[in-house]
Amino acid sequence: MSIALGLAAGVWQFRSSLSSAGFTFDATGIAPGEDGWSVPGVLAGHGHRTAITLGATVTPGDGSTLAVHATAEFDRRDLGITAPRFLLGTRVRITVDAVFAAPA
């Protein structure tokens, strides 16, 4: 599974270091986790790659949909994202909310 992440939170307004904020996440597995699912994979962007694990929960919808909420944290420096430390901490939290629908 590959997910393209469009990260547009306030911290991403440092456009000098994020001129093309194209990040991808390639999952390498999935397993039951503490409160849902654990999805390890590789987050890539800016010519760098770092291993992260998404913690995900799945909520059934109306019978033809599933809602997925996933989060992970990483050190922004692992992806070459630079900014003065007093402006931006080193830890970045990613949140993905997605709804999947069955084919019509």
Protein backbone atom coordinates (compact mmCIF):
# COMPACT_ATOMS: atom_id res chain seq x y z
CA MET A 1 0.00 0.00 0.00
CA SER A 2 1.30 3.45 -0.85
CA ILE A 3 -0.28 6.68 0.38
CA ALA A 4 0.60 10.15 -0.87
CA LEU A 5 0.48 12.56 2.05
CA GLY A 6 -0.36 16.22 1.51
CA LEU A 7 0.88 17.86 4.70
CA ALA A 8 -0.54 21.35 5.01
CA ALA A 9 -0.61 22.04 8.75
CA GLY A 10 0.65 25.34 10.11
CA VAL A 11 4.16 24.00 10.69
CA TRP A 12 4.49 23.36 6.97
CA GLN A 13 4.42 27.05 6.13
CA PHE A 14 8.22 27.17 6.19
CA ARG A 15 8.19 26.93 2.41
CA SER A 16 11.91 27.64 1.98
CA SER A 17 12.69 24.13 3.20
CA LEU A 18 9.44 22.55 1.98
CA SER A 19 9.05 24.07 -1.49
CA SER A 20 7.49 20.86 -2.77
CA ALA A 21 5.88 19.12 0.17
CA GLY A 22 5.45 15.77 -1.59
CA PHE A 23 5.73 12.98 0.93
CA THR A 24 4.87 9.30 0.47
CA PHE A 25 4.31 6.47 2.91
CA ASP A 26 4.92 2.88 1.83
CA ALA A 27 3.49 0.35 4.28
CA THR A 28 5.59 -2.76 4.85
CA GLY A 29 3.07 -4.68 6.93
CA ILE A 30 0.07 -4.55 9.21
CA ALA A 31 -0.52 -6.22 12.57
CA PRO A 32 -2.91 -5.97 15.50
CA GLY A 33 -1.77 -3.21 17.86
CA GLU A 34 -2.64 -1.99 21.36
CA ASP A 35 -5.71 0.02 20.38
CA GLY A 36 -6.26 -1.03 16.77
CA TRP A 37 -3.63 -1.73 14.14
CA SER A 38 0.10 -1.13 13.79
CA VAL A 39 1.25 -0.21 10.27
CA PRO A 40 5.05 -0.03 9.88
CA GLY A 41 6.49 1.54 6.76
CA VAL A 42 8.78 4.10 5.20
CA LEU A 43 7.99 7.82 5.01
CA ALA A 44 9.90 9.50 2.16
CA GLY A 45 10.32 13.11 1.12
CA HIS A 46 13.02 15.60 0.17
CA GLY A 47 15.25 12.76 -1.00
CA HIS A 48 15.26 11.22 2.49
CA ARG A 49 13.56 8.17 3.99
CA THR A 50 12.72 7.26 7.57
CA ALA A 51 10.98 4.28 9.15
CA ILE A 52 7.79 5.09 11.05
CA THR A 53 4.87 3.13 12.44
CA LEU A 54 1.32 4.38 12.09
CA GLY A 55 -1.10 3.52 14.88
CA ALA A 56 -4.47 3.03 13.17
CA THR A 57 -8.06 2.51 14.21
CA VAL A 58 -10.83 1.36 11.88
CA THR A 59 -14.48 2.29 12.34
CA PRO A 60 -17.17 0.60 10.25
CA GLY A 61 -19.44 3.04 8.45
CA ASP A 62 -22.82 2.48 6.83
CA GLY A 63 -22.08 -1.03 5.58
CA SER A 64 -20.21 0.05 2.45
CA THR A 65 -17.57 2.31 4.04
CA LEU A 66 -14.76 2.13 6.59
CA ALA A 67 -13.22 5.13 8.35
CA VAL A 68 -9.52 4.92 9.21
CA HIS A 69 -7.73 7.22 11.65
CA ALA A 70 -3.94 6.85 11.83
CA THR A 71 -1.17 8.78 13.57
CA ALA A 72 2.62 8.67 13.80
CA GLU A 73 5.49 10.85 14.98
CA PHE A 74 8.95 11.34 13.54
CA ASP A 75 11.94 13.64 13.84
CA ARG A 76 11.69 16.23 11.03
CA ARG A 77 15.48 16.22 10.65
CA ASP A 78 15.31 12.60 9.42
CA LEU A 79 13.64 13.96 6.27
CA GLY A 80 15.96 16.94 5.88
CA ILE A 81 13.36 19.45 7.14
CA THR A 82 15.24 22.34 8.69
CA ALA A 83 14.05 25.36 10.63
CA PRO A 84 15.36 27.32 13.61
CA ARG A 85 14.55 25.24 16.69
CA PHE A 86 12.92 28.18 18.49
CA LEU A 87 10.35 28.33 15.65
CA LEU A 88 9.67 24.65 15.17
CA GLY A 89 10.24 21.65 17.42
CA THR A 90 12.00 18.57 16.12
CA ARG A 91 9.04 16.17 16.49
CA VAL A 92 6.32 16.14 13.81
CA ARG A 93 3.00 14.34 14.25
CA ILE A 94 1.15 13.07 11.20
CA THR A 95 -2.59 12.41 11.32
CA VAL A 96 -4.41 10.68 8.49
CA ASP A 97 -8.21 10.46 8.38
CA ALA A 98 -9.55 8.49 5.43
CA VAL A 99 -12.84 6.93 4.40
CA PHE A 100 -12.79 3.90 2.11
CA ALA A 101 -15.87 2.95 0.09
CA ALA A 102 -16.71 -0.34 -1.57
CA PRO A 103 -16.71 -0.21 -5.37
CA ALA A 104 -20.12 0.56 -6.84
